[in-house]
Protein backbone atom coordinates (compact mmCIF):
# COMPACT_ATOMS: atom_id res chain seq x y z
CA UNK A 1 41.17 56.07 105.88
CA UNK A 2 43.32 58.81 107.33
CA UNK A 3 45.11 59.09 110.65
CA UNK A 4 44.64 62.85 110.46
CA UNK A 5 40.85 62.40 110.21
CA UNK A 6 40.84 59.76 112.94
CA UNK A 7 39.14 57.12 110.77
CA UNK A 8 41.90 54.55 110.40
CA UNK A 9 42.41 51.06 111.88
CA UNK A 10 45.99 50.55 112.93
CA UNK A 11 47.51 47.08 112.58
CA UNK A 12 49.13 47.32 115.98
CA UNK A 13 45.92 48.20 117.86
CA UNK A 14 44.44 45.78 120.35
CA UNK A 15 41.83 43.39 118.94
CA UNK A 16 39.03 45.13 120.90
CA UNK A 17 39.77 48.47 119.30
CA UNK A 18 40.30 46.99 115.89
CA UNK A 19 36.94 45.12 116.01
CA UNK A 20 35.15 48.21 117.28
CA UNK A 21 36.61 50.51 114.65
CA UNK A 22 35.66 48.08 111.92
CA UNK A 23 32.08 47.98 113.23
CA UNK A 24 31.90 51.80 112.99
CA UNK A 25 32.53 51.75 109.18
CA UNK A 26 29.60 53.52 107.43
CA UNK A 27 27.15 51.22 105.64
CA UNK A 28 27.84 52.88 102.32
CA UNK A 29 31.58 51.97 102.60
CA UNK A 30 30.86 48.24 103.20
CA UNK A 31 31.14 47.12 99.51
CA UNK A 32 34.53 48.82 99.12
CA UNK A 33 35.87 47.39 102.39
CA UNK A 34 34.48 43.93 101.56
CA UNK A 35 36.25 44.03 98.22
CA UNK A 36 39.56 45.12 99.72
CA UNK A 37 39.58 42.89 102.79
CA UNK A 38 37.61 39.80 101.74
CA UNK A 39 38.24 39.87 98.00
CA UNK A 40 34.58 40.50 97.17
CA UNK A 41 32.05 37.75 96.66
CA UNK A 42 29.01 36.76 98.79
CA UNK A 43 28.33 38.57 102.05
CA UNK A 44 25.60 38.67 104.67
CA UNK A 45 22.35 40.57 103.73
CA UNK A 46 22.08 42.59 106.91
CA UNK A 47 24.53 45.48 107.29
CA UNK A 48 25.07 44.49 110.94
CA UNK A 49 25.92 40.86 110.11
CA UNK A 50 28.05 42.10 107.18
CA UNK A 51 30.04 44.36 109.54
CA UNK A 52 30.43 41.56 112.10
CA UNK A 53 31.90 39.30 109.45
CA UNK A 54 34.20 42.04 108.18
CA UNK A 55 35.32 42.88 111.74
CA UNK A 56 36.12 39.19 112.31
CA UNK A 57 38.23 39.05 109.18
CA UNK A 58 40.05 42.32 109.80
CA UNK A 59 40.81 41.47 113.40
CA UNK A 60 41.57 37.82 112.63
CA UNK A 61 44.11 38.91 109.96
CA UNK A 62 46.29 40.69 112.56
CA UNK A 63 45.39 38.91 115.80
CA UNK A 64 44.35 35.44 114.71
CA UNK A 65 41.11 33.63 115.53
CA UNK A 66 41.59 34.11 119.28
CA UNK A 67 42.01 37.87 118.84
CA UNK A 68 38.94 38.09 116.60
CA UNK A 69 36.93 36.19 119.20
CA UNK A 70 38.21 38.48 121.96
CA UNK A 71 37.33 41.63 119.92
CA UNK A 72 33.86 40.23 119.22
CA UNK A 73 33.31 39.30 122.85
CA UNK A 74 34.27 42.83 123.95
CA UNK A 75 32.03 44.40 121.39
CA UNK A 76 28.99 42.23 122.15
CA UNK A 77 29.43 42.72 125.88
CA UNK A 78 28.87 46.43 125.28
CA UNK A 79 25.71 45.96 123.28
CA UNK A 80 22.29 46.39 124.93
CA UNK A 81 20.30 43.38 126.19
CA UNK A 82 18.48 41.38 123.60
CA UNK A 83 15.11 42.43 124.94
CA UNK A 84 15.68 46.13 124.39
CA UNK A 85 14.32 46.57 120.81
CA UNK A 86 11.41 44.22 121.47
CA UNK A 87 9.39 46.47 123.78
CA UNK A 88 7.11 49.23 122.51
CA UNK A 89 7.98 52.81 123.35
CA UNK A 90 5.84 54.74 125.66
CA UNK A 91 4.02 53.73 128.81
CA UNK A 92 3.35 50.25 130.09
CA UNK A 93 -0.04 49.14 131.46
CA UNK A 94 0.70 50.36 134.92
CA UNK A 95 2.16 53.64 133.82
CA UNK A 96 5.83 52.57 134.10
CA UNK A 97 8.07 53.90 131.33
CA UNK A 98 9.70 51.46 128.89
CA UNK A 99 13.16 51.86 127.52
CA UNK A 100 13.90 51.33 123.89
CA UNK A 101 17.56 51.23 122.71
CA UNK A 102 17.38 53.43 119.65
CA UNK A 103 20.24 51.94 117.59
CA UNK A 104 18.84 48.47 118.01
CA UNK A 105 15.35 49.73 117.11
CA UNK A 106 16.67 51.38 113.94
CA UNK A 107 18.23 48.08 112.99
CA UNK A 108 15.13 46.10 113.67
CA UNK A 109 12.75 48.49 111.96
CA UNK A 110 14.75 49.95 109.12
CA UNK A 111 17.40 47.26 108.57
CA UNK A 112 20.04 49.86 109.33
CA UNK A 113 23.17 49.19 111.32
CA UNK A 114 22.79 52.32 113.43
CA UNK A 115 25.28 54.67 111.78
CA UNK A 116 22.61 57.37 111.93
CA UNK A 117 23.39 58.00 115.60
CA UNK A 118 25.41 61.17 114.78
CA UNK A 119 22.40 62.55 112.89
CA UNK A 120 20.21 61.79 115.95
CA UNK A 121 22.70 63.57 118.23
CA UNK A 122 22.62 66.61 115.88
CA UNK A 123 18.84 66.89 116.14
CA UNK A 124 17.93 65.54 112.71
CA UNK A 125 15.57 62.97 114.28
CA UNK A 126 12.93 63.58 116.95
C-alpha cells in the first residue's frame, strides 16, 4: 500500500470509503491481507465473500460494528439488482434487449470477484 500510488486505506477515512477500498483489493492479494488483518486461518471460499469479511474486519477495527455495518450497507446499495446476472445476454422472445451486469456475471460464471474490470475497459475482453 502506498499513498503515492493511491492504493492505501487510511485509518481516518469514513467507513464507506474504508469498506469500498478494502473491496477493491486484488484477489491475488487476499491471502496476504487476510494474514495481516485477520491473523490467517479459515476464510470464505468465494473471493467476493472473502473480501466482504475482510472489509467488515478492517472497517470494524477502526469504526466498530456500527461503522462496518454502515460501510457494508453503502457498498451493497451500489451493487446491481440481484436479478442482473441471472438473465441471458442477447434478445428476449419479443426482441427486447436484456441487460447483464458484467462484474456480477464474471463472479457467477468464473468465480471471480470482478477485478478484471480494468482489463475489460482496456479492450482485453470483447
